[in-house]
Amino acid sequence: MAKKAKGNRIQVILDCTEKPGSSRYVTTKNRRTTTGRIELRKYNASLRKHTVHKETK
């Protein structure tokens, strides 16, 4: 069962930009301090390298 979000923290999905749908990560972000969409460099196992992952809707 999923945890309830506490306060301003929300759960977001990060999707790979080089090959969409091949790698996804789930993380949380603070809604109040980070208003825009986040981009992180994460490992994509299918491409075997680190790629930029952007927040999806």
Protein backbone atom coordinates (compact mmCIF):
# COMPACT_ATOMS: atom_id res chain seq x y z
CA MET A 1 0.00 0.00 0.00
CA ALA A 2 1.32 3.43 -0.92
CA LYS A 3 2.26 5.91 1.78
CA LYS A 4 0.26 9.08 2.23
CA ALA A 5 1.96 12.29 1.17
CA LYS A 6 2.86 14.48 4.14
CA GLY A 7 2.52 18.22 3.77
CA ASN A 8 4.11 19.72 0.68
CA ARG A 9 5.94 16.60 -0.56
CA ILE A 10 4.44 14.93 -3.62
CA GLN A 11 5.42 11.81 -5.54
CA VAL A 12 6.66 12.33 -9.11
CA ILE A 13 7.71 10.02 -11.95
CA LEU A 14 10.95 10.65 -13.85
CA ASP A 15 11.09 9.34 -17.44
CA CYS A 16 14.16 8.99 -19.68
CA THR A 17 14.52 11.64 -22.39
CA GLU A 18 16.73 9.66 -24.80
CA LYS A 19 14.48 6.60 -25.06
CA PRO A 20 11.07 7.36 -23.47
CA GLY A 21 9.46 4.48 -21.63
CA SER A 22 12.68 2.50 -21.26
CA SER A 23 13.55 3.72 -17.77
CA ARG A 24 11.37 5.28 -15.07
CA TYR A 25 12.10 6.33 -11.52
CA VAL A 26 9.74 7.37 -8.73
CA THR A 27 10.84 10.06 -6.29
CA THR A 28 9.40 12.86 -4.16
CA LYS A 29 9.79 16.60 -4.38
CA ASN A 30 8.77 19.56 -2.29
CA ARG A 31 5.90 21.31 -4.04
CA ARG A 32 6.57 24.66 -2.33
CA THR A 33 10.32 25.03 -3.03
CA THR A 34 10.48 23.29 -6.42
CA THR A 35 7.62 24.66 -8.49
CA GLY A 36 8.98 23.69 -11.92
CA ARG A 37 9.63 20.24 -13.33
CA ILE A 38 12.79 18.55 -12.15
CA GLU A 39 15.53 16.96 -14.27
CA LEU A 40 18.00 14.46 -12.82
CA ARG A 41 20.76 12.33 -14.31
CA LYS A 42 19.86 8.71 -13.54
CA TYR A 43 21.08 5.33 -14.78
CA ASN A 44 19.22 3.72 -17.69
CA ALA A 45 19.83 -0.05 -17.60
CA SER A 46 18.64 -0.70 -21.17
CA LEU A 47 21.08 1.88 -22.59
CA ARG A 48 23.77 1.06 -19.98
CA LYS A 49 24.58 4.70 -19.27
CA HIS A 50 23.47 7.71 -17.27
CA THR A 51 20.85 9.84 -19.04
CA VAL A 52 18.69 12.85 -18.21
CA HIS A 53 15.32 11.95 -16.70
CA LYS A 54 12.55 14.57 -16.66
CA GLU A 55 9.42 14.75 -14.55
CA THR A 56 6.24 13.60 -16.29
CA LYS A 57 2.69 14.86 -15.76
